[in-house]
Amino acid sequence: MSFAWRYVVRPDGSFCRLTNIDGGLDHVSDEELARLHPAEDQGDGQPARPCSRCGGVLLLHWHGPLMTGVWMELCPACDARRPAASAFIRRYRDPDRDLSALPRLFGDWETETLHAHGWARAPEPATPPGPPVHPGLMPRGEG
C-alpha cells in the first residue's frame, strides 16, 4: 500500500491536505478537489482562532498527526525565529508562491512543531528482505 498527500491550494493561499492511498486521487483534478473540499468559512459569527501563545492572528492552525494531541499553530510573531516555520510564513506572504514547494514546507513545519512538543518522526522502515531460498531445492519440472 502506498501513502501520499494531495494538497488543494486556494487562491488566498489556504489549503487542505488529503490522504492519497494507493493513488486513489491521482485521476482527480485540482479543480474537482477544490470543489469537494471548499474553504472553511467563518460564517457562524465567531472570530478567527487567535494564537494560544500571544493572542495574535494565526496564518494557519492545524491538528497534528493522529494520536499526538498536538495543535499546530503558525503565528508570524511567535514563530519568526524557527527555521521551518519562518520559511512557511514567507511562503504565505509571497504573492508569487511556488505551489510545488508546499508539501516540503508543510512537512518541515510539521516535523519542527512536533519536535518542539517532544515528538520525533520515526524513519521510514526498510523493506525486509524475502526469506532465503534453500540452495538444494530445485524448481518443479527440472531435475
N, C-alpha and C. Protein backbone atom coordinates (compact mmCIF):
# COMPACT_ATOMS: atom_id res chain seq x y z
N MET A 1 0.85 -1.17 0.00
CA MET A 1 0.00 0.00 0.00
C MET A 1 0.90 1.23 0.00
N SER A 2 0.63 2.15 -0.91
CA SER A 2 1.39 3.40 -0.95
C SER A 2 0.56 4.51 -0.31
N PHE A 3 1.26 5.44 0.30
CA PHE A 3 0.61 6.52 1.03
C PHE A 3 1.27 7.83 0.63
N ALA A 4 0.47 8.78 0.19
CA ALA A 4 0.99 10.09 -0.19
C ALA A 4 -0.07 11.13 0.15
N TRP A 5 0.28 12.40 -0.01
CA TRP A 5 -0.65 13.50 0.25
C TRP A 5 -0.97 14.21 -1.04
N ARG A 6 -2.20 14.69 -1.17
CA ARG A 6 -2.60 15.62 -2.22
C ARG A 6 -2.95 16.92 -1.53
N TYR A 7 -2.46 18.02 -2.05
CA TYR A 7 -2.72 19.35 -1.49
C TYR A 7 -3.65 20.11 -2.43
N VAL A 8 -4.69 20.70 -1.85
CA VAL A 8 -5.59 21.58 -2.60
C VAL A 8 -5.28 23.00 -2.13
N VAL A 9 -4.74 23.81 -3.02
CA VAL A 9 -4.34 25.17 -2.68
C VAL A 9 -5.36 26.13 -3.29
N ARG A 10 -5.87 27.02 -2.44
CA ARG A 10 -6.86 28.00 -2.88
C ARG A 10 -6.16 29.32 -3.25
N PRO A 11 -6.82 30.19 -4.00
CA PRO A 11 -6.18 31.44 -4.43
C PRO A 11 -5.68 32.32 -3.28
N ASP A 12 -6.33 32.24 -2.10
CA ASP A 12 -5.90 33.07 -0.97
C ASP A 12 -4.70 32.48 -0.23
N GLY A 13 -4.20 31.33 -0.67
CA GLY A 13 -3.05 30.70 -0.03
C GLY A 13 -3.42 29.62 0.95
N SER A 14 -4.69 29.54 1.35
CA SER A 14 -5.10 28.46 2.25
C SER A 14 -5.11 27.15 1.48
N PHE A 15 -5.07 26.07 2.20
CA PHE A 15 -5.02 24.77 1.54
C PHE A 15 -5.60 23.71 2.45
N CYS A 16 -5.87 22.56 1.88
CA CYS A 16 -6.20 21.38 2.68
C CYS A 16 -5.34 20.24 2.18
N ARG A 17 -5.13 19.27 3.04
CA ARG A 17 -4.27 18.13 2.72
C ARG A 17 -5.13 16.88 2.78
N LEU A 18 -5.10 16.08 1.73
CA LEU A 18 -5.92 14.89 1.63
C LEU A 18 -5.03 13.66 1.49
N THR A 19 -5.44 12.57 2.10
CA THR A 19 -4.71 11.32 2.01
C THR A 19 -4.95 10.69 0.65
N ASN A 20 -3.89 10.34 -0.05
CA ASN A 20 -3.97 9.71 -1.36
C ASN A 20 -3.40 8.30 -1.24
N ILE A 21 -4.24 7.36 -0.83
CA ILE A 21 -3.80 5.99 -0.61
C ILE A 21 -3.87 5.23 -1.93
N ASP A 22 -2.77 4.58 -2.27
CA ASP A 22 -2.65 3.79 -3.50
C ASP A 22 -3.02 4.58 -4.75
N GLY A 23 -2.81 5.90 -4.72
CA GLY A 23 -3.07 6.73 -5.90
C GLY A 23 -4.54 6.90 -6.23
N GLY A 24 -5.41 6.73 -5.26
CA GLY A 24 -6.84 6.83 -5.49
C GLY A 24 -7.29 8.21 -5.95
N LEU A 25 -6.52 9.25 -5.65
CA LEU A 25 -6.89 10.61 -6.06
C LEU A 25 -6.07 11.10 -7.24
N ASP A 26 -5.25 10.24 -7.83
CA ASP A 26 -4.39 10.67 -8.93
C ASP A 26 -5.19 11.15 -10.13
N HIS A 27 -6.34 10.56 -10.39
CA HIS A 27 -7.14 10.91 -11.57
C HIS A 27 -8.04 12.12 -11.34
N VAL A 28 -8.12 12.62 -10.10
CA VAL A 28 -8.99 13.75 -9.77
C VAL A 28 -8.20 15.05 -9.96
N SER A 29 -8.76 15.98 -10.71
CA SER A 29 -8.07 17.24 -10.97
C SER A 29 -8.09 18.13 -9.72
N ASP A 30 -7.21 19.12 -9.71
CA ASP A 30 -7.15 20.06 -8.58
C ASP A 30 -8.46 20.84 -8.45
N GLU A 31 -9.08 21.18 -9.58
CA GLU A 31 -10.34 21.91 -9.54
C GLU A 31 -11.46 21.08 -8.91
N GLU A 32 -11.51 19.78 -9.24
CA GLU A 32 -12.52 18.91 -8.65
C GLU A 32 -12.30 18.76 -7.15
N LEU A 33 -11.05 18.61 -6.73
CA LEU A 33 -10.76 18.50 -5.30
C LEU A 33 -11.14 19.79 -4.57
N ALA A 34 -10.90 20.94 -5.19
CA ALA A 34 -11.26 22.22 -4.56
C ALA A 34 -12.77 22.34 -4.40
N ARG A 35 -13.53 21.82 -5.36
CA ARG A 35 -14.99 21.84 -5.24
C ARG A 35 -15.46 20.89 -4.15
N LEU A 36 -14.79 19.75 -4.00
CA LEU A 36 -15.18 18.77 -2.99
C LEU A 36 -14.82 19.22 -1.58
N HIS A 37 -13.79 20.02 -1.45
CA HIS A 37 -13.31 20.49 -0.15
C HIS A 37 -13.24 22.01 -0.14
N PRO A 38 -14.39 22.68 -0.03
CA PRO A 38 -14.38 24.15 -0.02
C PRO A 38 -13.70 24.68 1.24
N ALA A 39 -13.29 25.93 1.16
CA ALA A 39 -12.63 26.58 2.31
C ALA A 39 -13.59 26.66 3.47
N GLU A 40 -13.04 26.51 4.68
CA GLU A 40 -13.85 26.66 5.88
C GLU A 40 -14.21 28.12 6.03
N ASP A 41 -15.49 28.42 6.06
CA ASP A 41 -15.87 29.82 6.24
C ASP A 41 -16.16 30.09 7.71
N GLN A 42 -15.97 31.33 8.08
CA GLN A 42 -16.21 31.75 9.46
C GLN A 42 -17.59 32.39 9.54
N GLY A 43 -18.57 31.84 8.81
CA GLY A 43 -19.88 32.42 8.72
C GLY A 43 -20.73 32.30 9.97
N ASP A 44 -20.23 31.66 11.01
CA ASP A 44 -21.02 31.48 12.22
C ASP A 44 -20.88 32.66 13.17
N GLY A 45 -20.20 33.72 12.75
CA GLY A 45 -20.08 34.91 13.58
C GLY A 45 -18.95 34.85 14.59
N GLN A 46 -18.23 33.73 14.65
CA GLN A 46 -17.13 33.62 15.59
C GLN A 46 -15.86 34.17 14.94
N PRO A 47 -15.01 34.84 15.74
CA PRO A 47 -13.77 35.35 15.17
C PRO A 47 -12.80 34.21 14.87
N ALA A 48 -11.81 34.50 14.03
CA ALA A 48 -10.79 33.52 13.73
C ALA A 48 -10.05 33.14 15.01
N ARG A 49 -9.52 31.94 15.04
CA ARG A 49 -8.82 31.43 16.21
C ARG A 49 -7.56 32.26 16.47
N PRO A 50 -7.38 32.79 17.69
CA PRO A 50 -6.16 33.55 18.00
C PRO A 50 -5.01 32.60 18.40
N CYS A 51 -3.81 33.12 18.35
CA CYS A 51 -2.63 32.36 18.77
C CYS A 51 -2.74 32.08 20.27
N SER A 52 -2.48 30.86 20.66
CA SER A 52 -2.57 30.49 22.08
C SER A 52 -1.38 31.03 22.88
N ARG A 53 -0.32 31.48 22.20
CA ARG A 53 0.86 31.97 22.90
C ARG A 53 0.84 33.49 23.07
N CYS A 54 0.41 34.24 22.03
CA CYS A 54 0.46 35.70 22.11
C CYS A 54 -0.89 36.37 21.88
N GLY A 55 -1.88 35.61 21.43
CA GLY A 55 -3.20 36.18 21.15
C GLY A 55 -3.31 36.85 19.80
N GLY A 56 -2.24 36.80 19.00
CA GLY A 56 -2.25 37.42 17.67
C GLY A 56 -3.01 36.58 16.65
N VAL A 57 -3.00 37.07 15.42
CA VAL A 57 -3.70 36.40 14.32
C VAL A 57 -2.82 35.27 13.78
N LEU A 58 -3.41 34.10 13.62
CA LEU A 58 -2.69 32.95 13.07
C LEU A 58 -2.79 32.93 11.55
N LEU A 59 -1.70 32.54 10.90
CA LEU A 59 -1.75 32.30 9.46
C LEU A 59 -2.38 30.94 9.19
N LEU A 60 -2.13 29.98 10.08
CA LEU A 60 -2.59 28.62 9.87
C LEU A 60 -2.72 27.92 11.22
N HIS A 61 -3.76 27.13 11.38
CA HIS A 61 -3.86 26.24 12.54
C HIS A 61 -4.27 24.88 12.03
N TRP A 62 -3.68 23.85 12.61
CA TRP A 62 -3.80 22.51 12.06
C TRP A 62 -3.71 21.50 13.18
N HIS A 63 -4.49 20.43 13.10
CA HIS A 63 -4.34 19.32 14.04
C HIS A 63 -3.10 18.54 13.66
N GLY A 64 -2.31 18.19 14.66
CA GLY A 64 -1.14 17.37 14.40
C GLY A 64 -1.56 15.97 14.01
N PRO A 65 -0.60 15.10 13.73
CA PRO A 65 -0.92 13.72 13.36
C PRO A 65 -1.78 13.04 14.42
N LEU A 66 -2.55 12.10 13.96
CA LEU A 66 -3.48 11.36 14.82
C LEU A 66 -2.78 10.80 16.05
N MET A 67 -3.42 10.92 17.16
CA MET A 67 -2.99 10.36 18.45
C MET A 67 -1.87 11.16 19.12
N THR A 68 -1.41 12.27 18.53
CA THR A 68 -0.37 13.06 19.18
C THR A 68 -0.98 14.09 20.13
N GLY A 69 -2.19 14.55 19.81
CA GLY A 69 -2.83 15.57 20.63
C GLY A 69 -2.21 16.95 20.44
N VAL A 70 -1.40 17.14 19.42
CA VAL A 70 -0.72 18.41 19.20
C VAL A 70 -1.59 19.28 18.29
N TRP A 71 -1.80 20.53 18.69
CA TRP A 71 -2.49 21.52 17.88
C TRP A 71 -1.42 22.44 17.34
N MET A 72 -1.21 22.43 16.04
CA MET A 72 -0.13 23.20 15.42
C MET A 72 -0.65 24.58 15.03
N GLU A 73 0.09 25.61 15.40
CA GLU A 73 -0.27 26.99 15.08
C GLU A 73 0.90 27.67 14.40
N LEU A 74 0.60 28.38 13.32
CA LEU A 74 1.63 29.16 12.62
C LEU A 74 1.34 30.63 12.86
N CYS A 75 2.12 31.24 13.75
CA CYS A 75 1.94 32.63 14.14
C CYS A 75 3.16 33.42 13.67
N PRO A 76 2.96 34.50 12.90
CA PRO A 76 4.11 35.27 12.42
C PRO A 76 4.92 35.89 13.55
N ALA A 77 4.29 36.23 14.67
CA ALA A 77 5.03 36.84 15.77
C ALA A 77 5.81 35.81 16.58
N CYS A 78 5.20 34.68 16.88
CA CYS A 78 5.83 33.68 17.75
C CYS A 78 6.80 32.76 17.02
N ASP A 79 6.56 32.51 15.75
CA ASP A 79 7.34 31.50 15.02
C ASP A 79 8.37 32.08 14.06
N ALA A 80 8.60 33.38 14.12
CA ALA A 80 9.50 34.02 13.16
C ALA A 80 10.95 33.54 13.29
N ARG A 81 11.34 33.05 14.45
CA ARG A 81 12.74 32.62 14.65
C ARG A 81 12.95 31.12 14.45
N ARG A 82 11.88 30.39 14.19
CA ARG A 82 12.01 28.95 13.93
C ARG A 82 12.23 28.75 12.44
N PRO A 83 13.27 28.02 12.03
CA PRO A 83 13.64 27.95 10.60
C PRO A 83 12.52 27.46 9.68
N ALA A 84 11.92 26.33 9.97
CA ALA A 84 10.88 25.79 9.08
C ALA A 84 9.63 26.66 9.11
N ALA A 85 9.26 27.14 10.29
CA ALA A 85 8.08 27.99 10.41
C ALA A 85 8.28 29.31 9.66
N SER A 86 9.46 29.90 9.77
CA SER A 86 9.68 31.18 9.09
C SER A 86 9.68 31.00 7.57
N ALA A 87 10.16 29.86 7.08
CA ALA A 87 10.09 29.59 5.63
C ALA A 87 8.64 29.45 5.19
N PHE A 88 7.83 28.82 6.03
CA PHE A 88 6.40 28.67 5.72
C PHE A 88 5.69 30.02 5.78
N ILE A 89 6.07 30.89 6.72
CA ILE A 89 5.49 32.24 6.82
C ILE A 89 5.84 33.04 5.57
N ARG A 90 7.09 32.96 5.12
CA ARG A 90 7.50 33.67 3.90
C ARG A 90 6.69 33.18 2.70
N ARG A 91 6.40 31.89 2.64
CA ARG A 91 5.61 31.33 1.55
C ARG A 91 4.21 31.91 1.56
N TYR A 92 3.61 32.07 2.74
CA TYR A 92 2.27 32.64 2.85
C TYR A 92 2.23 34.09 2.41
N ARG A 93 3.30 34.83 2.69
CA ARG A 93 3.32 36.26 2.38
C ARG A 93 3.74 36.56 0.95
N ASP A 94 4.27 35.57 0.26
CA ASP A 94 4.74 35.76 -1.11
C ASP A 94 3.56 35.65 -2.08
N PRO A 95 3.24 36.73 -2.82
CA PRO A 95 2.11 36.65 -3.75
C PRO A 95 2.38 35.70 -4.92
N ASP A 96 3.65 35.47 -5.24
CA ASP A 96 4.02 34.55 -6.33
C ASP A 96 4.50 33.23 -5.75
N ARG A 97 3.75 32.71 -4.79
CA ARG A 97 4.18 31.50 -4.07
C ARG A 97 4.30 30.30 -5.01
N ASP A 98 5.33 29.50 -4.75
CA ASP A 98 5.59 28.30 -5.53
C ASP A 98 4.77 27.15 -4.94
N LEU A 99 3.79 26.67 -5.68
CA LEU A 99 2.91 25.62 -5.17
C LEU A 99 3.61 24.28 -5.02
N SER A 100 4.65 24.04 -5.80
CA SER A 100 5.33 22.76 -5.70
C SER A 100 6.13 22.63 -4.41
N ALA A 101 6.44 23.73 -3.75
CA ALA A 101 7.21 23.69 -2.51
C ALA A 101 6.33 23.43 -1.29
N LEU A 102 5.01 23.51 -1.43
CA LEU A 102 4.11 23.37 -0.28
C LEU A 102 4.27 22.06 0.48
N PRO A 103 4.30 20.89 -0.17
CA PRO A 103 4.43 19.65 0.62
C PRO A 103 5.70 19.61 1.47
N ARG A 104 6.82 20.06 0.90
CA ARG A 104 8.08 20.04 1.66
C ARG A 104 8.03 21.03 2.82
N LEU A 105 7.54 22.26 2.55
CA LEU A 105 7.45 23.27 3.61
C LEU A 105 6.51 22.83 4.73
N PHE A 106 5.36 22.25 4.36
CA PHE A 106 4.42 21.78 5.38
C PHE A 106 5.04 20.65 6.20
N GLY A 107 5.68 19.70 5.53
CA GLY A 107 6.32 18.59 6.24
C GLY A 107 7.40 19.06 7.19
N ASP A 108 8.22 20.02 6.74
CA ASP A 108 9.28 20.56 7.61
C ASP A 108 8.67 21.27 8.82
N TRP A 109 7.62 22.08 8.59
CA TRP A 109 6.97 22.79 9.68
C TRP A 109 6.32 21.81 10.66
N GLU A 110 5.67 20.78 10.14
CA GLU A 110 5.04 19.77 10.99
C GLU A 110 6.09 19.06 11.85
N THR A 111 7.20 18.67 11.24
CA THR A 111 8.27 18.00 11.98
C THR A 111 8.84 18.91 13.07
N GLU A 112 9.09 20.18 12.72
CA GLU A 112 9.64 21.13 13.68
C GLU A 112 8.67 21.37 14.84
N THR A 113 7.38 21.52 14.54
CA THR A 113 6.39 21.77 15.58
C THR A 113 6.23 20.56 16.50
N LEU A 114 6.19 19.38 15.92
CA LEU A 114 6.07 18.17 16.75
C LEU A 114 7.31 17.97 17.61
N HIS A 115 8.48 18.29 17.07
CA HIS A 115 9.71 18.17 17.85
C HIS A 115 9.68 19.11 19.05
N ALA A 116 9.12 20.31 18.87
CA ALA A 116 9.01 21.26 19.98
C ALA A 116 8.06 20.75 21.06
N HIS A 117 7.14 19.85 20.70
CA HIS A 117 6.21 19.25 21.67
C HIS A 117 6.71 17.90 22.18
N GLY A 118 7.95 17.52 21.86
CA GLY A 118 8.53 16.29 22.38
C GLY A 118 8.34 15.07 21.50
N TRP A 119 7.84 15.23 20.29
CA TRP A 119 7.66 14.11 19.38
C TRP A 119 8.80 14.10 18.36
N ALA A 120 9.13 12.92 17.87
CA ALA A 120 10.14 12.78 16.83
C ALA A 120 9.56 11.91 15.72
N ARG A 121 9.88 12.28 14.50
CA ARG A 121 9.41 11.50 13.35
C ARG A 121 10.29 10.26 13.21
N ALA A 122 9.65 9.11 13.16
CA ALA A 122 10.39 7.87 13.00
C ALA A 122 10.84 7.73 11.55
N PRO A 123 12.02 7.18 11.33
CA PRO A 123 12.45 6.98 9.94
C PRO A 123 11.57 5.93 9.27
N GLU A 124 11.48 6.04 7.95
CA GLU A 124 10.71 5.06 7.20
C GLU A 124 11.35 3.69 7.37
N PRO A 125 10.55 2.67 7.71
CA PRO A 125 11.14 1.35 7.88
C PRO A 125 11.61 0.78 6.55
N ALA A 126 12.72 0.08 6.62
CA ALA A 126 13.25 -0.55 5.41
C ALA A 126 12.40 -1.77 5.08
N THR A 127 12.27 -2.06 3.82
CA THR A 127 11.52 -3.24 3.41
C THR A 127 12.33 -4.47 3.77
N PRO A 128 11.73 -5.39 4.53
CA PRO A 128 12.50 -6.57 4.92
C PRO A 128 12.78 -7.45 3.71
N PRO A 129 13.94 -8.06 3.70
CA PRO A 129 14.25 -8.95 2.57
C PRO A 129 13.37 -10.20 2.64
N GLY A 130 13.18 -10.81 1.51
CA GLY A 130 12.41 -12.05 1.46
C GLY A 130 13.19 -13.19 2.11
N PRO A 131 12.52 -14.27 2.42
CA PRO A 131 13.23 -15.40 3.04
C PRO A 131 14.27 -15.97 2.06
N PRO A 132 15.38 -16.46 2.59
CA PRO A 132 16.41 -17.02 1.70
C PRO A 132 15.90 -18.33 1.06
N VAL A 133 16.33 -18.53 -0.14
CA VAL A 133 15.97 -19.74 -0.87
C VAL A 133 16.99 -20.82 -0.52
N HIS A 134 16.48 -22.00 -0.21
CA HIS A 134 17.37 -23.11 0.11
C HIS A 134 18.12 -23.51 -1.15
N PRO A 135 19.46 -23.63 -1.09
CA PRO A 135 20.22 -23.89 -2.31
C PRO A 135 19.97 -25.28 -2.91
N GLY A 136 19.47 -26.21 -2.11
CA GLY A 136 19.27 -27.57 -2.62
C GLY A 136 17.93 -27.78 -3.29
N LEU A 137 17.04 -26.83 -3.19
CA LEU A 137 15.72 -27.02 -3.79
C LEU A 137 15.77 -26.72 -5.27
N MET A 138 15.07 -27.55 -6.04
CA MET A 138 15.01 -27.37 -7.49
C MET A 138 13.60 -26.95 -7.84
N PRO A 139 13.45 -26.04 -8.79
CA PRO A 139 12.11 -25.69 -9.24
C PRO A 139 11.41 -26.91 -9.86
N ARG A 140 10.09 -26.93 -9.76
CA ARG A 140 9.34 -28.05 -10.34
C ARG A 140 9.57 -28.12 -11.84
N GLY A 141 9.60 -29.31 -12.33
CA GLY A 141 9.77 -29.52 -13.76
C GLY A 141 11.22 -29.61 -14.19
N GLU A 142 12.14 -29.46 -13.24
CA GLU A 142 13.55 -29.55 -13.58
C GLU A 142 14.20 -30.57 -12.67
N GLY A 143 15.20 -31.27 -13.17
CA GLY A 143 15.99 -32.18 -12.36
C GLY A 143 15.54 -33.56 -12.32
